[in-house]
Protein backbone atom coordinates (compact mmCIF):
# COMPACT_ATOMS: atom_id res chain seq x y z
CA HIS A 1 34.90 52.31 -82.16
CA ALA A 2 34.74 49.66 -84.83
CA LEU A 3 31.82 51.41 -86.52
CA GLY A 4 33.50 54.83 -86.35
CA LYS A 5 35.06 54.67 -89.80
CA ALA A 6 31.81 53.54 -91.38
CA GLU A 7 29.95 56.48 -89.86
CA TRP A 8 31.73 58.72 -92.35
CA ILE A 9 29.20 57.43 -94.88
CA LYS A 10 26.77 59.89 -93.29
CA VAL A 11 29.12 62.80 -94.08
CA PHE A 12 29.32 61.69 -97.69
CA GLY A 13 25.54 61.34 -97.72
CA ALA A 14 25.21 64.95 -96.57
CA LEU A 15 27.71 66.15 -99.18
CA LEU A 16 25.90 64.30 -101.96
CA ASP A 17 22.39 65.17 -100.78
CA LYS A 18 21.77 61.51 -99.91
CA ASP A 19 21.28 61.91 -96.15
CA LYS A 20 18.42 59.46 -95.87
CA GLU A 21 20.14 56.71 -97.86
CA ALA A 22 23.39 57.15 -95.95
CA THR A 23 21.64 57.10 -92.57
CA THR A 24 19.68 53.98 -93.53
CA TYR A 25 22.87 52.28 -94.73
CA PHE A 26 24.68 53.13 -91.50
CA GLU A 27 21.80 52.00 -89.28
CA ASN A 28 21.58 48.68 -91.14
CA LEU A 29 25.35 48.29 -90.86
CA CYS A 30 25.21 48.90 -87.09
CA LYS A 31 22.43 46.36 -86.73
CA SER A 32 24.34 43.77 -88.77
CA TYR A 33 27.60 44.38 -86.87
CA ASN A 34 25.95 44.20 -83.46
CA GLN A 35 24.00 41.05 -84.34
CA LEU A 36 27.19 39.35 -85.47
CA LYS A 37 29.04 40.58 -82.38
CA SER A 38 26.36 39.18 -80.06
CA SER A 39 26.39 35.83 -81.90
CA ILE A 40 30.12 35.29 -81.38
CA ASP A 41 30.67 32.74 -78.65
CA SER A 42 34.06 33.57 -77.19
CA LYS A 43 33.38 32.21 -73.71
CA GLY A 44 35.84 29.43 -74.36
CA LYS A 45 39.45 29.93 -75.32
CA MET A 46 40.25 33.35 -76.70
CA PRO A 47 43.24 33.02 -79.02
CA LYS A 48 46.02 35.50 -78.37
CA ALA A 49 47.03 37.51 -81.43
CA ILE A 50 49.85 39.66 -82.61
CA VAL A 51 49.02 42.16 -85.35
CA GLY A 52 51.13 44.18 -87.73
CA GLY A 53 54.46 43.97 -89.37
CA LEU A 54 57.96 45.25 -89.72
CA ASN A 55 58.72 48.38 -91.73
CA GLY A 56 62.45 48.94 -91.76
CA ASP A 57 63.53 48.41 -88.16
CA VAL A 58 60.15 49.24 -86.62
CA TRP A 59 57.21 46.91 -86.07
CA PHE A 60 53.97 48.84 -86.33
CA ALA A 61 51.02 47.44 -84.41
CA PRO A 62 47.67 48.94 -83.48
CA SER A 63 47.40 50.37 -79.97
CA GLY A 64 44.79 49.12 -77.54
CA ASN A 65 42.09 51.69 -78.35
CA SER A 66 42.44 51.47 -82.12
CA PHE A 67 39.85 50.50 -84.69
CA VAL A 68 41.52 47.10 -85.19
CA ALA A 69 42.00 46.37 -81.47
CA ASN A 70 38.32 47.02 -80.83
CA ILE A 71 37.19 44.70 -83.61
CA LEU A 72 39.57 42.00 -82.39
CA LYS A 73 38.01 42.29 -78.94
CA ASP A 74 34.50 42.10 -80.42
CA ALA A 75 35.59 38.96 -82.32
CA GLY A 76 36.79 37.22 -79.17
CA ILE A 77 40.50 37.60 -79.79
CA ASP A 78 42.92 38.46 -76.99
CA TYR A 79 45.12 41.06 -78.67
CA ILE A 80 48.53 41.07 -77.02
CA TYR A 81 48.75 44.89 -76.89
CA SER A 82 45.13 45.57 -75.95
CA LYS A 83 46.18 47.36 -72.77
CA GLU A 84 48.41 49.85 -74.58
CA LYS A 85 46.83 53.32 -74.45
CA GLY A 86 46.00 55.34 -77.54
CA ALA A 87 44.34 54.89 -80.90
CA ALA A 88 47.38 55.23 -83.16
CA SER A 89 50.09 52.74 -84.02
CA LEU A 90 52.63 51.38 -81.60
CA SER A 91 56.27 51.41 -82.71
CA LEU A 92 58.05 48.31 -81.43
CA THR A 93 61.36 46.57 -82.02
CA LEU A 94 61.69 43.18 -83.64
CA GLU A 95 63.30 41.96 -80.42
CA GLN A 96 60.22 42.95 -78.40
CA ILE A 97 57.90 41.38 -80.95
CA SER A 98 59.95 38.18 -81.07
CA LYS A 99 59.57 37.80 -77.32
CA ASP A 100 55.88 38.73 -77.16
CA GLU A 101 54.93 36.71 -80.23
CA GLN A 102 55.92 33.47 -78.50
CA GLN A 103 52.75 33.80 -76.38
CA CYS A 104 50.51 34.16 -79.44
CA ASP A 105 48.30 31.73 -81.28
CA VAL A 106 47.86 33.79 -84.44
CA TRP A 107 49.54 36.58 -86.41
CA ILE A 108 47.21 38.93 -88.28
CA ASN A 109 48.24 41.40 -91.01
CA ALA A 110 51.47 39.71 -91.99
CA GLU A 111 53.09 41.60 -94.84
CA ALA A 112 53.33 38.77 -97.36
CA THR A 113 51.16 36.44 -99.45
CA SER A 114 52.87 33.18 -98.44
CA LEU A 115 54.94 31.82 -95.58
CA LYS A 116 57.89 31.41 -97.93
CA SER A 117 57.78 35.05 -99.03
CA LEU A 118 57.30 36.14 -95.40
CA ILE A 119 60.46 34.32 -94.33
CA GLN A 120 62.30 35.77 -97.33
CA LEU A 121 61.44 39.24 -96.01
CA ASN A 122 63.11 38.38 -92.71
CA ASP A 123 64.51 34.96 -91.89
CA LYS A 124 63.94 35.62 -88.17
CA TYR A 125 60.23 35.08 -88.81
CA SER A 126 60.97 31.36 -89.14
CA TYR A 127 61.43 31.32 -85.34
CA PHE A 128 57.98 32.79 -84.69
CA GLN A 129 55.55 30.45 -82.95
CA THR A 130 52.74 31.56 -85.29
CA VAL A 131 54.82 30.86 -88.40
CA LYS A 132 55.78 27.40 -87.13
CA ALA A 133 52.09 26.71 -86.45
CA LYS A 134 51.10 28.17 -89.85
CA ALA A 135 48.68 30.49 -88.04
CA VAL A 136 49.49 33.58 -90.08
CA TYR A 137 46.89 35.66 -91.92
CA GLY A 138 47.20 38.51 -94.35
CA TYR A 139 45.25 40.55 -96.87
CA LEU A 140 48.02 41.40 -99.34
CA HIS A 141 46.65 38.94 -101.91
CA ASP A 142 44.04 41.67 -102.58
CA SER A 143 45.10 44.74 -100.63
CA ASN A 144 43.14 47.22 -102.75
CA TYR A 145 39.91 45.37 -101.96
CA PHE A 146 40.80 45.31 -98.26
CA TRP A 147 41.47 49.05 -98.07
CA GLU A 148 38.50 49.99 -100.25
CA MET A 149 35.95 47.86 -98.42
CA ASN A 150 36.89 47.37 -94.76
CA ALA A 151 35.91 50.89 -93.70
CA ILE A 152 32.38 50.51 -95.06
CA HIS A 153 32.06 46.85 -94.09
CA PRO A 154 33.45 46.47 -90.57
CA GLU A 155 31.03 43.57 -90.12
CA TRP A 156 33.07 41.66 -92.73
CA LEU A 157 36.24 42.42 -90.79
CA LEU A 158 34.54 41.26 -87.59
CA SER A 159 33.42 38.09 -89.36
CA ASP A 160 36.95 37.40 -90.63
CA PHE A 161 38.44 37.81 -87.16
CA ALA A 162 35.75 35.58 -85.61
CA ILE A 163 36.49 32.90 -88.22
CA ILE A 164 40.25 33.21 -87.64
CA ALA A 165 39.60 32.87 -83.89
CA GLY A 166 37.55 29.73 -84.47
CA HIS A 167 34.40 31.27 -82.99
CA GLN A 168 32.47 31.19 -86.29
CA LYS A 169 32.41 29.12 -89.45
CA GLY A 170 32.38 30.62 -92.91
CA LYS A 171 34.40 32.10 -95.72
CA LEU A 172 36.90 34.89 -95.11
CA HIS A 173 36.13 38.18 -96.85
CA PHE A 174 39.53 39.90 -96.71
CA TYR A 175 42.08 37.53 -95.23
CA LYS A 176 43.83 34.38 -96.31
CA GLN A 177 45.87 32.00 -94.25
CA LEU A 178 49.44 32.10 -95.48
CA LYS A 179 50.65 28.72 -96.71
């Protein structure tokens, strides 16, 4: 579940003799996440998203039961591999991604900080529908912040995805649109 990573705060609270504080933090986090989730109006168009990136010859994407796939669903995004079983990463070929990506409105977790640098990584990206539409988002402009904070602030991740989907207005916490 999207709040599963954040629940580890309770383990750290127990280890540091801060049970009460950790439990209060987690309960407030759950309340905040669930309030945001219920406020997202995704009854209209749900943008279809591709997530992940190429590492060597393998495209790694979250499976359908993963932390990221669940938050995308909560944010009103139709994740292209949401029906894939498991909670780990999927290993896909660039050929498969190139075909599937053509159905997508947005690419999340691109492995670059600009469209130019993304295409320099692999010139085949220039054929991607999402790249042509400039609907590509990444967190590499501040990856340490992303990895340090997203586990304890899944509500920020949910907010970012809802903003990317066009279901909410506001400022992105972790992501930037690649230009």
